[in-house]
Amino acid sequence: MEPKWLAWAKQLQAIAQAGLAYSKDVYDLERFECIRKISVEMLSEQTGMEMTKIKDLFAGETGYATPKVDIRAVVFKENKILMVREKTDGRWSLPGGWADIGYSPREVAVKEVKEETGYDVKAVKLLAVFDKKFHPHPPSPFHVYKMFIQCEIVGGEPTEGIETSAVGFFAEDELPPLSVSRITKSQMEIIFKYLHNPQEPVHFD
């Protein structure tokens, strides 16, 4: 579970964002700006991140606040799973990233695998939808839903991407250091259940 201070800060940010989008009263707008400032200060104090950087993250968000969506592709081959090494932290994750406007979840999964690994895949099954707050990720200023979509390789060759520095397949008992902001050990354990039992129902929380 995420810490209470983080939940409160994100709730304050959501209230402020909606108020700034829909309020017409100049005094109310001033109050909502004040609420947003408090949420930014809370996040800065607890994370050590500069206030200006946090404010920039929020500045592009307008309208009613909704969760962001992270799409991850699950590709099994010979009892191993496809992973990529992220350039940002040198650790490993499943291919994927933020959902793109104009693309379906299926299309995002296929696109991300191609861009990050060089493989051509087809998306075949939704495995899980996780709410990031229920999992042991580092604190994040955004409320995030994580979708895991199983894919099958239909072509291509392993190739590094713009954001990735290596591509590989790993067995469940030989996983590399994980990029825990993107994937956790407990999530990998759930995902591997689908390798051992393809009839496992969709996991959601």
C-alpha atoms as a PDB file:
ATOM      1  CA  MET A   1       0.000   0.000   0.000  1.00  0.00           C
ATOM      2  CA  GLU A   2       1.242   3.505  -0.783  1.00  0.00           C
ATOM      3  CA  PRO A   3       1.899   5.821   2.204  1.00  0.00           C
ATOM      4  CA  LYS A   4      -0.959   8.014   3.398  1.00  0.00           C
ATOM      5  CA  TRP A   5       0.894  11.258   2.636  1.00  0.00           C
ATOM      6  CA  LEU A   6       1.214  10.233  -1.009  1.00  0.00           C
ATOM      7  CA  ALA A   7      -2.479   9.363  -1.302  1.00  0.00           C
ATOM      8  CA  TRP A   8      -3.420  12.707   0.267  1.00  0.00           C
ATOM      9  CA  ALA A   9      -1.066  14.679  -1.976  1.00  0.00           C
ATOM     10  CA  LYS A  10      -2.481  13.034  -5.112  1.00  0.00           C
ATOM     11  CA  GLN A  11      -6.055  13.592  -3.955  1.00  0.00           C
ATOM     12  CA  LEU A  12      -5.321  17.260  -3.326  1.00  0.00           C
ATOM     13  CA  GLN A  13      -3.769  17.529  -6.769  1.00  0.00           C
ATOM     14  CA  ALA A  14      -6.829  15.909  -8.379  1.00  0.00           C
ATOM     15  CA  ILE A  15      -9.203  18.261  -6.550  1.00  0.00           C
ATOM     16  CA  ALA A  16      -7.103  21.276  -7.580  1.00  0.00           C
ATOM     17  CA  GLN A  17      -6.872  20.161 -11.205  1.00  0.00           C
ATOM     18  CA  ALA A  18     -10.634  19.658 -11.507  1.00  0.00           C
ATOM     19  CA  GLY A  19     -11.319  22.969  -9.776  1.00  0.00           C
ATOM     20  CA  LEU A  20      -8.956  24.865 -12.056  1.00  0.00           C
ATOM     21  CA  ALA A  21     -10.608  23.255 -15.091  1.00  0.00           C
ATOM     22  CA  TYR A  22     -14.245  23.862 -14.201  1.00  0.00           C
ATOM     23  CA  SER A  23     -14.430  26.785 -11.776  1.00  0.00           C
ATOM     24  CA  LYS A  24     -15.313  30.245 -13.145  1.00  0.00           C
ATOM     25  CA  ASP A  25     -14.990  32.248  -9.934  1.00  0.00           C
ATOM     26  CA  VAL A  26     -11.682  34.090  -9.659  1.00  0.00           C
ATOM     27  CA  TYR A  27     -11.499  33.532  -5.893  1.00  0.00           C
ATOM     28  CA  ASP A  28     -12.166  29.823  -6.240  1.00  0.00           C
ATOM     29  CA  LEU A  29      -9.433  29.596  -8.873  1.00  0.00           C
ATOM     30  CA  GLU A  30      -7.045  31.222  -6.427  1.00  0.00           C
ATOM     31  CA  ARG A  31      -8.003  28.692  -3.753  1.00  0.00           C
ATOM     32  CA  PHE A  32      -7.475  25.758  -6.112  1.00  0.00           C
ATOM     33  CA  GLU A  33      -4.043  27.111  -7.050  1.00  0.00           C
ATOM     34  CA  CYS A  34      -3.273  27.193  -3.329  1.00  0.00           C
ATOM     35  CA  ILE A  35      -4.380  23.560  -2.947  1.00  0.00           C
ATOM     36  CA  ARG A  36      -2.176  22.545  -5.880  1.00  0.00           C
ATOM     37  CA  LYS A  37       0.773  24.357  -4.283  1.00  0.00           C
ATOM     38  CA  ILE A  38       0.242  22.450  -1.029  1.00  0.00           C
ATOM     39  CA  SER A  39       0.203  19.113  -2.878  1.00  0.00           C
ATOM     40  CA  VAL A  40       3.431  20.013  -4.696  1.00  0.00           C
ATOM     41  CA  GLU A  41       5.084  21.003  -1.411  1.00  0.00           C
ATOM     42  CA  MET A  42       4.029  17.702   0.187  1.00  0.00           C
ATOM     43  CA  LEU A  43       5.511  15.686  -2.671  1.00  0.00           C
ATOM     44  CA  SER A  44       8.707  17.737  -2.692  1.00  0.00           C
ATOM     45  CA  GLU A  45       9.185  17.427   1.075  1.00  0.00           C
ATOM     46  CA  GLN A  46       8.721  13.655   1.105  1.00  0.00           C
ATOM     47  CA  THR A  47      10.534  12.721  -2.111  1.00  0.00           C
ATOM     48  CA  GLY A  48      13.348  15.269  -2.181  1.00  0.00           C
ATOM     49  CA  MET A  49      12.392  16.211  -5.738  1.00  0.00           C
ATOM     50  CA  GLU A  50      12.545  19.892  -6.642  1.00  0.00           C
ATOM     51  CA  MET A  51       9.213  21.698  -6.435  1.00  0.00           C
ATOM     52  CA  THR A  52       9.650  23.164  -9.919  1.00  0.00           C
ATOM     53  CA  LYS A  53      10.070  19.681 -11.404  1.00  0.00           C
ATOM     54  CA  ILE A  54       6.969  18.352  -9.650  1.00  0.00           C
ATOM     55  CA  LYS A  55       4.974  21.419 -10.702  1.00  0.00           C
ATOM     56  CA  ASP A  56       6.078  20.866 -14.310  1.00  0.00           C
ATOM     57  CA  LEU A  57       4.783  17.293 -14.108  1.00  0.00           C
ATOM     58  CA  PHE A  58       1.368  18.582 -13.065  1.00  0.00           C
ATOM     59  CA  ALA A  59       1.321  21.625 -15.339  1.00  0.00           C
ATOM     60  CA  GLY A  60       0.473  19.594 -18.444  1.00  0.00           C
ATOM     61  CA  GLU A  61      -2.463  17.895 -16.748  1.00  0.00           C
ATOM     62  CA  THR A  62      -5.793  19.642 -17.294  1.00  0.00           C
ATOM     63  CA  GLY A  63      -9.447  18.769 -16.971  1.00  0.00           C
ATOM     64  CA  TYR A  64     -10.794  16.086 -14.661  1.00  0.00           C
ATOM     65  CA  ALA A  65      -7.919  14.068 -13.171  1.00  0.00           C
ATOM     66  CA  THR A  66      -7.920  10.366 -14.105  1.00  0.00           C
ATOM     67  CA  PRO A  67      -5.350   7.575 -13.612  1.00  0.00           C
ATOM     68  CA  LYS A  68      -2.513   7.225 -16.123  1.00  0.00           C
ATOM     69  CA  VAL A  69      -2.220   3.869 -17.913  1.00  0.00           C
ATOM     70  CA  ASP A  70       0.979   1.837 -18.187  1.00  0.00           C
ATOM     71  CA  ILE A  71       0.961  -1.037 -20.712  1.00  0.00           C
ATOM     72  CA  ARG A  72       3.381  -3.973 -20.303  1.00  0.00           C
ATOM     73  CA  ALA A  73       3.831  -6.831 -22.785  1.00  0.00           C
ATOM     74  CA  VAL A  74       4.316 -10.394 -21.560  1.00  0.00           C
ATOM     75  CA  VAL A  75       6.169 -12.612 -24.039  1.00  0.00           C
ATOM     76  CA  PHE A  76       7.042 -16.191 -23.084  1.00  0.00           C
ATOM     77  CA  LYS A  77       9.476 -18.354 -25.046  1.00  0.00           C
ATOM     78  CA  GLU A  78      10.811 -21.740 -23.978  1.00  0.00           C
ATOM     79  CA  ASN A  79       9.670 -21.190 -20.378  1.00  0.00           C
ATOM     80  CA  LYS A  80      11.384 -17.789 -20.220  1.00  0.00           C
ATOM     81  CA  ILE A  81      10.066 -14.227 -20.334  1.00  0.00           C
ATOM     82  CA  LEU A  82      11.189 -11.367 -22.581  1.00  0.00           C
ATOM     83  CA  MET A  83      12.755  -8.426 -20.726  1.00  0.00           C
ATOM     84  CA  VAL A  84      14.573  -5.202 -21.575  1.00  0.00           C
ATOM     85  CA  ARG A  85      17.242  -3.254 -19.709  1.00  0.00           C
ATOM     86  CA  GLU A  86      16.163   0.349 -19.171  1.00  0.00           C
ATOM     87  CA  LYS A  87      18.727   3.029 -19.954  1.00  0.00           C
ATOM     88  CA  THR A  88      17.388   5.300 -17.213  1.00  0.00           C
ATOM     89  CA  ASP A  89      18.370   3.041 -14.305  1.00  0.00           C
ATOM     90  CA  GLY A  90      20.272   0.105 -15.852  1.00  0.00           C
ATOM     91  CA  ARG A  91      17.697  -2.365 -14.538  1.00  0.00           C
ATOM     92  CA  TRP A  92      15.261  -4.697 -16.241  1.00  0.00           C
ATOM     93  CA  SER A  93      11.556  -4.564 -16.995  1.00  0.00           C
ATOM     94  CA  LEU A  94       8.939  -5.967 -19.327  1.00  0.00           C
ATOM     95  CA  PRO A  95       8.652  -4.081 -22.635  1.00  0.00           C
ATOM     96  CA  GLY A  96       6.119  -1.286 -22.352  1.00  0.00           C
ATOM     97  CA  GLY A  97       5.334   2.260 -21.317  1.00  0.00           C
ATOM     98  CA  TRP A  98       2.603   4.858 -21.089  1.00  0.00           C
ATOM     99  CA  ALA A  99      -0.485   4.296 -23.226  1.00  0.00           C
ATOM    100  CA  ASP A 100      -0.551   6.567 -26.278  1.00  0.00           C
ATOM    101  CA  ILE A 101      -3.526   8.635 -27.388  1.00  0.00           C
ATOM    102  CA  GLY A 102      -5.089   7.098 -30.494  1.00  0.00           C
ATOM    103  CA  TYR A 103      -3.819   3.564 -29.767  1.00  0.00           C
ATOM    104  CA  SER A 104      -5.735   0.700 -28.197  1.00  0.00           C
ATOM    105  CA  PRO A 105      -4.057  -1.250 -25.342  1.00  0.00           C
ATOM    106  CA  ARG A 106      -3.398  -4.070 -27.817  1.00  0.00           C
ATOM    107  CA  GLU A 107      -1.755  -1.676 -30.292  1.00  0.00           C
ATOM    108  CA  VAL A 108       0.386  -0.089 -27.569  1.00  0.00           C
ATOM    109  CA  ALA A 109       1.700  -3.486 -26.455  1.00  0.00           C
ATOM    110  CA  VAL A 110       2.648  -4.451 -30.024  1.00  0.00           C
ATOM    111  CA  LYS A 111       4.260  -1.065 -30.705  1.00  0.00           C
ATOM    112  CA  GLU A 112       6.282  -1.031 -27.472  1.00  0.00           C
ATOM    113  CA  VAL A 113       7.673  -4.538 -28.057  1.00  0.00           C
ATOM    114  CA  LYS A 114       8.798  -3.576 -31.562  1.00  0.00           C
ATOM    115  CA  GLU A 115      10.389  -0.312 -30.426  1.00  0.00           C
ATOM    116  CA  GLU A 116      12.134  -1.736 -27.369  1.00  0.00           C
ATOM    117  CA  THR A 117      13.119  -5.257 -28.504  1.00  0.00           C
ATOM    118  CA  GLY A 118      12.964  -5.458 -32.312  1.00  0.00           C
ATOM    119  CA  TYR A 119      10.475  -8.329 -32.214  1.00  0.00           C
ATOM    120  CA  ASP A 120       7.170  -8.317 -34.101  1.00  0.00           C
ATOM    121  CA  VAL A 121       4.367  -9.679 -31.936  1.00  0.00           C
ATOM    122  CA  LYS A 122       0.631 -10.143 -31.878  1.00  0.00           C
ATOM    123  CA  ALA A 123      -1.325  -9.431 -28.690  1.00  0.00           C
ATOM    124  CA  VAL A 124      -3.421 -12.406 -27.634  1.00  0.00           C
ATOM    125  CA  LYS A 125      -4.682 -12.020 -24.061  1.00  0.00           C
ATOM    126  CA  LEU A 126      -5.149  -9.575 -21.187  1.00  0.00           C
ATOM    127  CA  LEU A 127      -3.499 -11.118 -18.115  1.00  0.00           C
ATOM    128  CA  ALA A 128      -3.754  -8.496 -15.392  1.00  0.00           C
ATOM    129  CA  VAL A 129      -4.747  -4.956 -14.458  1.00  0.00           C
ATOM    130  CA  PHE A 130      -2.906  -3.687 -11.374  1.00  0.00           C
ATOM    131  CA  ASP A 131      -3.478  -0.499  -9.411  1.00  0.00           C
ATOM    132  CA  LYS A 132       0.059   0.687  -8.700  1.00  0.00           C
ATOM    133  CA  LYS A 133      -0.842   1.849  -5.185  1.00  0.00           C
ATOM    134  CA  PHE A 134      -1.367  -1.759  -4.067  1.00  0.00           C
ATOM    135  CA  HIS A 135       2.149  -2.818  -5.087  1.00  0.00           C
ATOM    136  CA  PRO A 136       5.630  -2.085  -3.680  1.00  0.00           C
ATOM    137  CA  HIS A 137       6.719   0.493  -6.249  1.00  0.00           C
ATOM    138  CA  PRO A 138       8.621   3.643  -5.233  1.00  0.00           C
ATOM    139  CA  PRO A 139       6.379   6.697  -4.585  1.00  0.00           C
ATOM    140  CA  SER A 140       4.920   8.212  -7.750  1.00  0.00           C
ATOM    141  CA  PRO A 141       3.067  11.528  -8.140  1.00  0.00           C
ATOM    142  CA  PHE A 142       0.523   9.885 -10.450  1.00  0.00           C
ATOM    143  CA  HIS A 143      -2.214   7.343  -9.828  1.00  0.00           C
ATOM    144  CA  VAL A 144      -1.389   4.554 -12.297  1.00  0.00           C
ATOM    145  CA  TYR A 145      -3.197   1.490 -13.664  1.00  0.00           C
ATOM    146  CA  LYS A 146      -0.844  -1.143 -15.085  1.00  0.00           C
ATOM    147  CA  MET A 147      -2.124  -3.469 -17.824  1.00  0.00           C
ATOM    148  CA  PHE A 148      -0.243  -6.683 -18.683  1.00  0.00           C
ATOM    149  CA  ILE A 149      -0.976  -8.126 -22.122  1.00  0.00           C
ATOM    150  CA  GLN A 150       0.355 -11.466 -23.331  1.00  0.00           C
ATOM    151  CA  CYS A 151       1.885 -11.410 -26.802  1.00  0.00           C
ATOM    152  CA  GLU A 152       3.336 -13.988 -29.198  1.00  0.00           C
ATOM    153  CA  ILE A 153       6.395 -13.451 -31.396  1.00  0.00           C
ATOM    154  CA  VAL A 154       5.645 -13.579 -35.130  1.00  0.00           C
ATOM    155  CA  GLY A 155       8.912 -12.173 -36.491  1.00  0.00           C
ATOM    156  CA  GLY A 156      11.748  -9.702 -36.060  1.00  0.00           C
ATOM    157  CA  GLU A 157      15.171  -9.891 -34.443  1.00  0.00           C
ATOM    158  CA  PRO A 158      16.391  -8.715 -31.013  1.00  0.00           C
ATOM    159  CA  THR A 159      17.478  -5.077 -31.229  1.00  0.00           C
ATOM    160  CA  GLU A 160      18.191  -2.383 -28.654  1.00  0.00           C
ATOM    161  CA  GLY A 161      15.754   0.528 -28.570  1.00  0.00           C
ATOM    162  CA  ILE A 162      16.018   4.253 -27.907  1.00  0.00           C
ATOM    163  CA  GLU A 163      15.154   3.702 -24.233  1.00  0.00           C
ATOM    164  CA  THR A 164      16.624   0.204 -23.803  1.00  0.00           C
ATOM    165  CA  SER A 165      20.210  -1.057 -23.826  1.00  0.00           C
ATOM    166  CA  ALA A 166      19.722  -4.851 -23.890  1.00  0.00           C
ATOM    167  CA  VAL A 167      17.131  -7.512 -24.677  1.00  0.00           C
ATOM    168  CA  GLY A 168      16.950 -10.998 -23.173  1.00  0.00           C
ATOM    169  CA  PHE A 169      14.835 -13.938 -22.058  1.00  0.00           C
ATOM    170  CA  PHE A 170      14.933 -14.999 -18.411  1.00  0.00           C
ATOM    171  CA  ALA A 171      13.620 -17.960 -16.440  1.00  0.00           C
ATOM    172  CA  GLU A 172      11.599 -17.346 -13.285  1.00  0.00           C
ATOM    173  CA  ASP A 173      14.494 -18.373 -11.041  1.00  0.00           C
ATOM    174  CA  GLU A 174      17.117 -16.247 -12.846  1.00  0.00           C
ATOM    175  CA  LEU A 175      15.508 -12.830 -13.085  1.00  0.00           C
ATOM    176  CA  PRO A 176      17.904  -9.861 -13.402  1.00  0.00           C
ATOM    177  CA  PRO A 177      17.739  -6.780 -11.119  1.00  0.00           C
ATOM    178  CA  LEU A 178      14.288  -5.291 -11.625  1.00  0.00           C
ATOM    179  CA  SER A 179      13.393  -1.684 -12.433  1.00  0.00           C
ATOM    180  CA  VAL A 180      10.937  -1.554  -9.539  1.00  0.00           C
ATOM    181  CA  SER A 181       9.301   1.682 -10.654  1.00  0.00           C
ATOM    182  CA  ARG A 182       8.059  -0.383 -13.635  1.00  0.00           C
ATOM    183  CA  ILE A 183       7.792  -3.991 -12.390  1.00  0.00           C
ATOM    184  CA  THR A 184       8.042  -5.686  -8.998  1.00  0.00           C
ATOM    185  CA  LYS A 185       9.059  -9.186  -7.936  1.00  0.00           C
ATOM    186  CA  SER A 186       5.544  -9.945  -6.692  1.00  0.00           C
ATOM    187  CA  GLN A 187       4.063  -8.869 -10.034  1.00  0.00           C
ATOM    188  CA  MET A 188       6.513 -11.112 -11.885  1.00  0.00           C
ATOM    189  CA  GLU A 189       5.421 -14.017  -9.684  1.00  0.00           C
ATOM    190  CA  ILE A 190       1.799 -13.396 -10.679  1.00  0.00           C
ATOM    191  CA  ILE A 191       2.699 -13.104 -14.365  1.00  0.00           C
ATOM    192  CA  PHE A 192       4.620 -16.391 -14.352  1.00  0.00           C
ATOM    193  CA  LYS A 193       1.446 -18.149 -13.154  1.00  0.00           C
ATOM    194  CA  TYR A 194       0.144 -17.714 -16.711  1.00  0.00           C
ATOM    195  CA  LEU A 195       3.137 -19.623 -18.077  1.00  0.00           C
ATOM    196  CA  HIS A 196       2.398 -22.588 -15.814  1.00  0.00           C
ATOM    197  CA  ASN A 197      -1.389 -22.344 -16.127  1.00  0.00           C
ATOM    198  CA  PRO A 198      -2.698 -20.603 -19.283  1.00  0.00           C
ATOM    199  CA  GLN A 199      -6.253 -20.884 -17.884  1.00  0.00           C
ATOM    200  CA  GLU A 200      -5.420 -18.644 -14.926  1.00  0.00           C
ATOM    201  CA  PRO A 201      -8.167 -15.966 -14.747  1.00  0.00           C
ATOM    202  CA  VAL A 202      -7.421 -12.299 -15.322  1.00  0.00           C
ATOM    203  CA  HIS A 203      -5.860 -10.773 -12.216  1.00  0.00           C
ATOM    204  CA  PHE A 204      -7.074  -7.354 -11.116  1.00  0.00           C
ATOM    205  CA  ASP A 205      -6.971  -5.297  -7.944  1.00  0.00           C
END
